[in-house]
N, C-alpha and C. Protein backbone atom coordinates (compact mmCIF):
# COMPACT_ATOMS: atom_id res chain seq x y z
N MET A 1 -11.59 77.60 25.73
CA MET A 1 -10.78 78.02 26.20
C MET A 1 -10.53 79.05 25.12
N ALA A 2 -9.63 79.88 25.30
CA ALA A 2 -9.06 81.08 24.03
C ALA A 2 -7.98 80.55 23.10
N VAL A 3 -8.46 80.77 21.80
CA VAL A 3 -6.75 80.42 21.61
C VAL A 3 -6.23 81.39 20.92
N ARG A 4 -4.88 81.47 21.06
CA ARG A 4 -4.37 82.77 20.52
C ARG A 4 -4.22 82.83 19.34
N PRO A 5 -4.23 84.39 18.18
CA PRO A 5 -3.84 83.69 17.10
C PRO A 5 -2.26 83.14 16.85
N LEU A 6 -2.07 82.67 15.81
CA LEU A 6 -0.76 81.84 15.32
C LEU A 6 -0.02 82.74 15.34
N GLU A 7 1.30 82.90 14.99
CA GLU A 7 2.13 83.90 15.14
C GLU A 7 3.30 83.14 13.82
N VAL A 8 3.41 83.85 12.71
CA VAL A 8 3.85 83.46 11.77
C VAL A 8 5.60 84.14 11.43
N PRO A 9 6.23 83.42 11.20
CA PRO A 9 7.82 84.05 11.08
C PRO A 9 7.70 85.07 10.38
N PRO A 10 8.47 86.27 10.38
CA PRO A 10 8.27 87.55 9.34
C PRO A 10 8.80 86.92 8.33
N ILE A 11 9.88 86.16 7.67
CA ILE A 11 10.41 85.60 6.75
C ILE A 11 9.13 85.35 5.96
N LEU A 12 8.20 84.38 6.21
CA LEU A 12 6.94 83.73 5.50
C LEU A 12 6.72 85.06 4.84
N ARG A 13 6.07 86.31 5.68
CA ARG A 13 5.41 87.37 5.38
C ARG A 13 6.07 88.19 4.04
N GLN A 14 7.21 87.79 4.62
CA GLN A 14 7.84 88.66 3.33
C GLN A 14 7.73 88.20 2.06
N ALA A 15 7.93 86.74 1.98
CA ALA A 15 7.81 86.26 0.98
C ALA A 15 6.75 85.54 0.62
N TRP A 16 5.57 85.54 1.43
CA TRP A 16 4.02 85.06 0.59
C TRP A 16 3.46 86.39 0.90
N GLY A 17 3.51 87.05 1.74
CA GLY A 17 2.75 88.11 1.23
C GLY A 17 1.32 88.05 3.11
N ASN A 18 0.80 89.10 3.57
CA ASN A 18 0.48 89.59 4.46
C ASN A 18 -0.86 88.49 4.36
N GLU A 19 -1.68 88.60 3.54
CA GLU A 19 -2.88 88.07 2.79
C GLU A 19 -2.98 86.69 2.48
N VAL A 20 -1.58 85.97 1.99
CA VAL A 20 -1.37 84.59 2.23
C VAL A 20 -1.05 84.30 3.56
N VAL A 21 -0.68 84.92 4.15
CA VAL A 21 0.08 84.24 5.66
C VAL A 21 -1.23 84.33 6.45
N ASP A 22 -2.27 85.46 6.21
CA ASP A 22 -3.56 85.24 7.36
C ASP A 22 -4.49 84.27 6.55
N ALA A 23 -4.57 83.87 6.34
CA ALA A 23 -5.04 82.79 5.09
C ALA A 23 -4.47 81.46 5.88
N PHE A 24 -3.25 81.36 5.56
CA PHE A 24 -2.43 80.28 6.02
C PHE A 24 -2.80 79.64 7.54
N ALA A 25 -2.55 81.09 8.25
CA ALA A 25 -2.64 81.01 9.59
C ALA A 25 -4.02 80.57 10.18
N VAL A 26 -5.33 80.86 9.48
CA VAL A 26 -6.41 80.74 9.70
C VAL A 26 -6.46 79.15 9.02
N TRP A 27 -6.35 78.37 8.16
CA TRP A 27 -6.24 77.14 7.84
C TRP A 27 -5.41 76.21 8.96
N LEU A 28 -4.35 76.37 9.36
CA LEU A 28 -3.46 75.92 10.17
C LEU A 28 -3.87 75.64 11.58
N THR A 29 -4.59 76.78 11.64
CA THR A 29 -4.95 76.63 13.02
C THR A 29 -6.70 76.00 13.59
N SER A 30 -7.45 76.21 11.90
CA SER A 30 -8.75 75.13 12.23
C SER A 30 -8.33 73.79 11.66
N VAL A 31 -6.95 73.61 11.57
CA VAL A 31 -6.63 72.06 11.42
C VAL A 31 -6.52 71.63 12.81
N LEU A 32 -5.56 72.66 13.42
CA LEU A 32 -4.63 71.65 14.85
C LEU A 32 -6.33 72.00 15.33
N GLU A 33 -6.87 73.22 15.54
CA GLU A 33 -8.00 72.92 16.56
C GLU A 33 -8.90 71.49 16.35
N GLU A 34 -9.01 71.25 14.84
CA GLU A 34 -9.44 69.61 14.49
C GLU A 34 -8.41 68.46 15.19
N ARG A 35 -7.79 68.64 14.95
CA ARG A 35 -6.91 67.52 15.03
C ARG A 35 -5.61 67.77 16.38
N ALA A 36 -6.03 68.54 16.75
CA ALA A 36 -4.69 68.26 17.71
C ALA A 36 -5.57 68.57 19.51
N ILE A 37 -4.95 67.95 20.45
CA ILE A 37 -5.29 67.87 21.83
C ILE A 37 -4.95 69.64 22.71
N SER A 38 -5.80 70.08 24.11
CA SER A 38 -5.36 71.00 24.66
C SER A 38 -4.01 70.03 25.66
N ARG A 39 -3.75 71.08 26.55
CA ARG A 39 -2.21 70.64 27.65
C ARG A 39 -3.83 70.02 28.65
N ASP A 40 -4.39 70.58 29.08
CA ASP A 40 -5.52 69.91 29.73
C ASP A 40 -5.66 68.43 29.51
N GLU A 41 -6.25 68.66 28.07
CA GLU A 41 -6.90 66.96 27.80
C GLU A 41 -5.47 66.21 27.86
N TYR A 42 -4.10 66.61 27.49
CA TYR A 42 -3.09 66.02 27.78
C TYR A 42 -2.50 64.77 28.13
N ARG A 43 -2.54 66.40 29.66
CA ARG A 43 -2.17 66.18 30.79
C ARG A 43 -2.89 64.99 31.45
N GLN A 44 -4.63 65.30 31.16
CA GLN A 44 -5.55 63.95 31.70
C GLN A 44 -5.62 62.44 31.10
N ILE A 45 -4.87 62.49 29.43
CA ILE A 45 -4.43 61.01 28.93
C ILE A 45 -3.24 60.70 29.57
N LEU A 46 -1.91 61.48 29.62
CA LEU A 46 -1.05 60.91 30.20
C LEU A 46 -1.39 60.41 31.75
N SER A 47 -2.51 61.34 32.34
CA SER A 47 -2.24 60.61 33.87
C SER A 47 -3.37 59.37 33.79
N ARG A 48 -4.25 59.22 32.56
CA ARG A 48 -4.86 57.57 32.01
C ARG A 48 -3.69 56.77 31.71
N LEU A 49 -3.05 57.09 30.33
CA LEU A 49 -1.96 56.54 30.16
C LEU A 49 -1.40 56.22 31.57
N ASP A 50 -0.65 56.89 32.87
CA ASP A 50 0.36 56.41 33.75
C ASP A 50 -0.84 55.35 34.45
N ILE A 51 -2.23 55.66 34.88
CA ILE A 51 -3.16 54.69 35.61
C ILE A 51 -2.94 53.20 34.75
N LEU A 52 -3.05 53.37 33.26
CA LEU A 52 -3.04 52.03 32.90
C LEU A 52 -1.84 51.09 33.03
N GLU A 53 -0.91 51.67 32.41
CA GLU A 53 0.76 51.56 33.56
C GLU A 53 0.60 50.79 34.20
N HIS A 54 -0.24 51.52 35.38
CA HIS A 54 0.41 51.20 36.92
C HIS A 54 -0.68 49.56 36.87
N ASP A 55 -1.68 49.84 36.15
CA ASP A 55 -2.88 48.36 36.73
C ASP A 55 -1.95 47.88 35.36
N MET A 56 -1.06 47.66 34.33
CA MET A 56 -0.70 46.72 33.63
C MET A 56 0.07 45.91 34.22
N ALA A 57 0.80 47.20 34.74
CA ALA A 57 2.18 46.18 35.75
C ALA A 57 1.56 45.39 36.71
N ASP A 58 0.45 46.28 37.61
CA ASP A 58 -0.15 45.34 38.26
C ASP A 58 -0.59 43.59 37.78
N LEU A 59 -1.11 43.72 36.46
CA LEU A 59 -1.47 42.45 36.17
C LEU A 59 -0.58 41.66 35.73
N LYS A 60 0.60 42.47 34.80
CA LYS A 60 1.89 41.63 34.85
C LYS A 60 2.04 41.04 35.42
N ALA A 61 2.27 41.52 37.16
CA ALA A 61 2.70 40.78 38.51
C ALA A 61 2.13 39.90 38.56
N ASP A 62 0.33 40.16 38.31
CA ASP A 62 -0.36 38.87 38.49
C ASP A 62 -0.08 37.46 38.20
N VAL A 63 -0.12 38.13 36.46
CA VAL A 63 0.17 37.45 35.74
C VAL A 63 1.73 36.04 36.21
N GLN A 64 2.24 37.02 36.58
CA GLN A 64 3.33 36.30 36.51
C GLN A 64 3.51 35.13 38.16
N GLU A 65 2.62 35.64 39.37
CA GLU A 65 2.51 34.89 39.87
C GLU A 65 1.88 33.58 39.65
N LEU A 66 0.31 33.97 39.29
CA LEU A 66 -0.21 33.42 38.86
C LEU A 66 0.63 31.48 38.06
N ARG A 67 1.94 32.40 37.26
CA ARG A 67 2.34 31.26 36.40
C ARG A 67 3.36 30.49 37.55
N ARG A 68 3.91 31.07 38.36
CA ARG A 68 4.38 30.42 39.59
C ARG A 68 3.97 29.65 40.34
N GLU A 69 2.05 29.82 40.52
CA GLU A 69 1.44 29.65 41.19
C GLU A 69 1.21 27.94 40.27
N MET A 70 1.54 27.88 38.89
CA MET A 70 0.87 27.09 38.18
C MET A 70 1.92 26.06 38.07
N ASN A 71 2.55 27.01 38.02
CA ASN A 71 4.21 25.81 37.94
C ASN A 71 4.31 25.36 39.13
N GLU A 72 4.75 25.55 40.15
CA GLU A 72 4.23 24.82 41.74
C GLU A 72 3.40 23.57 41.37
N ARG A 73 2.01 24.08 41.06
CA ARG A 73 1.33 23.19 41.18
C ARG A 73 1.68 21.81 40.10
N PHE A 74 1.97 22.26 38.91
CA PHE A 74 2.59 21.51 38.03
C PHE A 74 3.40 20.52 38.58
N ASP A 75 4.80 21.28 39.39
CA ASP A 75 5.62 20.10 40.17
C ASP A 75 4.97 19.51 40.92
N ARG A 76 4.41 20.00 42.00
CA ARG A 76 3.74 19.19 42.71
C ARG A 76 3.47 17.81 41.70
N VAL A 77 2.01 17.96 41.21
CA VAL A 77 1.66 17.12 40.15
C VAL A 77 2.40 15.80 39.74
N ASN A 78 3.21 16.53 38.88
CA ASN A 78 4.36 15.38 38.55
C ASN A 78 5.25 15.01 39.48
N GLU A 79 5.08 15.48 40.58
CA GLU A 79 6.00 14.69 41.71
C GLU A 79 5.08 13.66 42.12
N ARG A 80 4.02 14.15 42.34
CA ARG A 80 2.61 13.17 42.73
C ARG A 80 2.88 11.98 41.85
N PHE A 81 2.48 12.16 40.49
CA PHE A 81 2.48 11.05 39.42
C PHE A 81 4.00 10.30 38.97
N ASP A 82 4.98 10.93 39.74
CA ASP A 82 6.11 10.24 39.61
C ASP A 82 6.29 9.23 40.91
N GLN A 83 5.24 9.39 41.82
CA GLN A 83 5.32 9.01 43.26
C GLN A 83 4.39 7.87 42.96
N LEU A 84 3.22 8.04 42.19
CA LEU A 84 2.36 7.09 42.39
C LEU A 84 3.01 5.95 41.01
N HIS A 85 3.45 6.07 39.99
CA HIS A 85 4.75 5.88 38.95
C HIS A 85 5.18 4.20 39.95
N LYS A 86 6.17 5.28 40.76
CA LYS A 86 7.08 4.24 41.56
C LYS A 86 6.35 3.21 42.31
N GLU A 87 5.23 3.86 43.18
CA GLU A 87 4.36 2.92 43.34
C GLU A 87 4.09 1.29 43.05
N VAL A 88 3.12 1.92 41.55
CA VAL A 88 2.70 0.82 40.75
C VAL A 88 4.17 -0.19 40.58
N ASP A 89 5.25 0.72 39.98
CA ASP A 89 6.16 -0.61 39.81
C ASP A 89 6.58 -1.27 41.17
N ASP A 90 7.05 -1.21 42.15
CA ASP A 90 6.92 -1.54 42.93
C ASP A 90 5.72 -2.34 43.56
N ARG A 91 4.70 -2.08 43.15
CA ARG A 91 4.02 -3.25 42.88
C ARG A 91 3.93 -4.56 42.51
N PHE A 92 3.85 -4.25 40.93
CA PHE A 92 4.37 -4.74 40.09
C PHE A 92 5.68 -6.16 40.27
N ASP A 93 6.95 -5.40 40.80
CA ASP A 93 7.67 -6.08 41.21
C ASP A 93 7.73 -6.74 42.63
N GLN A 94 6.47 -6.68 43.24
CA GLN A 94 6.29 -7.18 44.29
C GLN A 94 5.79 -8.50 44.05
N LEU A 95 4.79 -8.24 42.79
CA LEU A 95 3.93 -9.31 42.43
C LEU A 95 4.02 -10.47 41.52
N ARG A 96 5.50 -9.54 40.29
CA ARG A 96 6.68 -10.61 39.93
C ARG A 96 7.32 -11.79 40.66
N ARG A 97 7.69 -11.10 42.12
CA ARG A 97 8.74 -11.56 42.80
C ARG A 97 7.64 -13.38 43.26
N GLU A 98 6.60 -12.45 43.80
CA GLU A 98 5.55 -13.59 44.06
C GLU A 98 5.12 -14.30 43.41
N MET A 99 4.83 -14.38 42.02
CA MET A 99 4.76 -14.98 41.27
C MET A 99 5.62 -16.28 40.94
N ASP A 100 6.84 -15.17 40.39
CA ASP A 100 8.16 -16.54 40.92
C ASP A 100 7.85 -17.53 41.88
N GLU A 101 8.01 -16.80 42.72
CA GLU A 101 8.28 -17.61 44.17
C GLU A 101 7.46 -18.79 43.79
N ARG A 102 6.18 -18.47 43.51
CA ARG A 102 5.00 -19.81 43.52
C ARG A 102 5.30 -20.95 42.15
N PHE A 103 5.94 -19.30 40.94
CA PHE A 103 5.91 -20.76 40.13
C PHE A 103 7.32 -22.18 40.34
N ASP A 104 8.39 -21.21 41.16
CA ASP A 104 9.26 -22.42 41.73
C ASP A 104 8.92 -23.01 42.99
N ARG A 105 7.84 -22.95 44.00
CA ARG A 105 7.27 -23.66 44.76
C ARG A 105 6.63 -25.04 43.81
N MET A 106 6.11 -24.55 42.39
CA MET A 106 5.33 -25.26 41.58
C MET A 106 6.03 -26.69 40.97
N ASN A 107 7.16 -26.10 40.42
CA ASN A 107 8.41 -26.65 39.74
C ASN A 107 8.66 -27.92 40.82
N GLU A 108 8.99 -27.64 42.04
CA GLU A 108 9.52 -28.39 43.21
C GLU A 108 8.80 -29.34 43.36
N ARG A 109 7.39 -28.74 43.42
CA ARG A 109 6.20 -30.06 43.54
C ARG A 109 6.16 -30.82 41.92
N PHE A 110 6.28 -30.75 40.87
CA PHE A 110 6.25 -31.46 39.74
C PHE A 110 7.72 -32.56 39.86
N ASP A 111 9.01 -31.49 40.45
CA ASP A 111 9.94 -32.55 40.53
C ASP A 111 9.66 -33.53 41.34
N ARG A 112 9.41 -32.83 42.45
CA ARG A 112 9.28 -33.92 43.73
C ARG A 112 7.71 -35.13 43.18
N MET A 113 6.92 -34.73 42.18
CA MET A 113 5.89 -35.86 41.93
C MET A 113 6.89 -37.13 40.71
N ASN A 114 7.61 -36.09 39.66
CA ASN A 114 8.42 -36.75 38.60
C ASN A 114 9.35 -37.92 39.45
N GLU A 115 10.23 -37.23 40.64
CA GLU A 115 10.65 -38.66 41.40
C GLU A 115 9.95 -39.62 41.58
N ARG A 116 8.74 -39.08 42.60
CA ARG A 116 7.63 -40.10 42.50
C ARG A 116 7.04 -41.50 41.82
N PHE A 117 6.95 -40.64 40.57
CA PHE A 117 6.72 -41.29 39.67
C PHE A 117 8.24 -42.48 39.25
N ASP A 118 8.93 -41.91 39.08
CA ASP A 118 10.22 -42.86 38.59
C ASP A 118 9.98 -43.77 39.70
N GLN A 119 9.98 -43.34 41.18
CA GLN A 119 9.95 -44.54 41.99
C GLN A 119 9.56 -45.33 41.90
N MET A 120 7.80 -45.42 41.33
CA MET A 120 6.76 -46.00 41.21
C MET A 120 6.89 -46.86 39.91
N TYR A 121 7.98 -46.56 38.85
CA TYR A 121 7.56 -46.89 37.93
C TYR A 121 9.16 -47.70 38.18
N HIS A 122 10.04 -47.55 38.90
CA HIS A 122 10.88 -48.97 38.95
C HIS A 122 10.34 -49.64 39.96
N GLN A 123 9.25 -49.46 41.50
CA GLN A 123 8.91 -50.32 41.66
C GLN A 123 8.25 -51.22 41.03
N MET A 124 7.65 -50.97 40.40
CA MET A 124 6.82 -51.60 39.05
C MET A 124 7.60 -52.61 38.13
N VAL A 125 8.61 -51.85 37.66
CA VAL A 125 9.57 -53.08 37.22
C VAL A 125 10.34 -53.94 37.94
N VAL A 126 10.73 -53.76 38.75
CA VAL A 126 11.32 -55.01 39.89
C VAL A 126 9.90 -55.70 40.37
N GLN A 127 9.11 -55.37 40.78
CA GLN A 127 7.40 -56.34 40.94
C GLN A 127 7.04 -57.02 39.40
N THR A 128 7.71 -56.29 38.88
CA THR A 128 7.15 -57.09 37.52
C THR A 128 8.39 -58.34 36.57
N ARG A 129 9.07 -58.00 37.45
CA ARG A 129 10.61 -58.76 37.39
C ARG A 129 10.13 -60.14 38.19
N TRP A 130 9.93 -59.80 39.52
CA TRP A 130 9.61 -60.98 40.34
C TRP A 130 8.54 -61.26 40.13
N PHE A 131 7.39 -60.71 39.52
CA PHE A 131 6.14 -61.87 39.12
C PHE A 131 6.34 -62.74 38.15
N ILE A 132 6.93 -62.05 36.89
CA ILE A 132 7.64 -63.14 36.26
C ILE A 132 8.82 -64.08 36.47
N GLY A 133 9.40 -63.77 37.20
CA GLY A 133 10.69 -64.68 37.84
C GLY A 133 9.25 -66.17 38.27
N ALA A 134 8.80 -65.13 39.33
CA ALA A 134 7.57 -66.10 40.46
C ALA A 134 6.99 -67.58 39.43
N LEU A 135 6.36 -67.06 38.07
CA LEU A 135 5.65 -67.55 37.28
C LEU A 135 6.18 -68.29 36.67
N VAL A 136 7.54 -68.37 36.18
CA VAL A 136 8.42 -69.37 35.85
C VAL A 136 9.14 -70.21 36.63
N VAL A 137 9.20 -69.49 37.45
CA VAL A 137 9.37 -71.03 38.45
C VAL A 137 7.84 -71.78 39.05
N ILE A 138 7.05 -71.15 39.12
CA ILE A 138 5.82 -71.56 39.01
C ILE A 138 5.64 -72.41 38.22
N GLY A 139 5.81 -72.41 36.95
CA GLY A 139 5.51 -73.11 35.62
C GLY A 139 6.32 -74.06 35.86
N THR A 140 7.63 -73.97 36.15
CA THR A 140 8.58 -75.23 35.68
C THR A 140 7.93 -75.96 36.78
N VAL A 141 7.98 -75.33 37.92
CA VAL A 141 7.49 -76.83 39.13
C VAL A 141 6.49 -77.36 38.66
N ILE A 142 5.54 -76.80 37.83
CA ILE A 142 4.43 -77.24 37.43
C ILE A 142 4.79 -78.29 36.47
N SER A 143 5.53 -77.87 35.36
CA SER A 143 5.65 -79.14 34.18
C SER A 143 6.88 -80.21 35.02
N THR A 144 7.08 -79.75 35.87
CA THR A 144 8.26 -80.68 36.80
C THR A 144 7.66 -81.98 37.12
N LEU A 145 6.34 -81.30 37.94
CA LEU A 145 5.30 -82.01 38.67
C LEU A 145 4.88 -83.04 37.58
N LEU A 146 3.98 -82.37 36.49
CA LEU A 146 3.27 -82.92 35.78
C LEU A 146 4.37 -84.36 34.37
N ALA A 147 5.68 -84.09 34.78
CA ALA A 147 6.76 -85.19 34.03
C ALA A 147 7.13 -86.01 35.23
N ILE A 148 6.69 -85.52 36.15
CA ILE A 148 7.08 -86.77 37.05
C ILE A 148 5.26 -87.81 37.31
N ALA A 149 4.57 -86.74 37.56
CA ALA A 149 3.47 -87.68 37.35
C ALA A 149 3.27 -88.51 36.37
N GLN A 150 3.60 -87.89 35.09
CA GLN A 150 3.35 -89.12 33.83
C GLN A 150 4.49 -90.08 33.51
N PHE A 151 5.42 -89.76 34.35
CA PHE A 151 6.21 -91.10 34.46
C PHE A 151 5.93 -92.17 35.99
N VAL A 152 5.08 -91.79 36.31
CA VAL A 152 4.84 -92.55 37.84
C VAL A 152 3.90 -93.24 37.16
N ARG A 153 2.96 -93.10 36.38
CA ARG A 153 1.73 -93.44 36.00
C ARG A 153 2.49 -94.75 35.29
């Protein structure tokens, strides 16, 4: 690419002189050639930046879609965990009710056994009283018979 000579404002030529301005122009041109880029290179860089910007926009859209999908999946997983938690709670509630019912039935059985023991105890007391009473009567009869037998002899 052909570099056109650097134009210096006339006021600089008057202030610095032609020799200094020409040296400055050469120096500035070399600095610009080393550190600056041409219009074609600038356009290529801009087109590459446009491509990168488009790719970044696509990537951003993909990341947003991925986040949305992940959030939906996490929501479904959370719903499933909530459902499982409810099922486990329901099962434990059912088990607790069943255990309470069984304990109630056992308590009823113990109550019936206590009633039977009370009845047996009452029967034993009654029979013991009758037995003692019968012994007393038999003892009295025997004593009376012995006393009569002694007087009769």
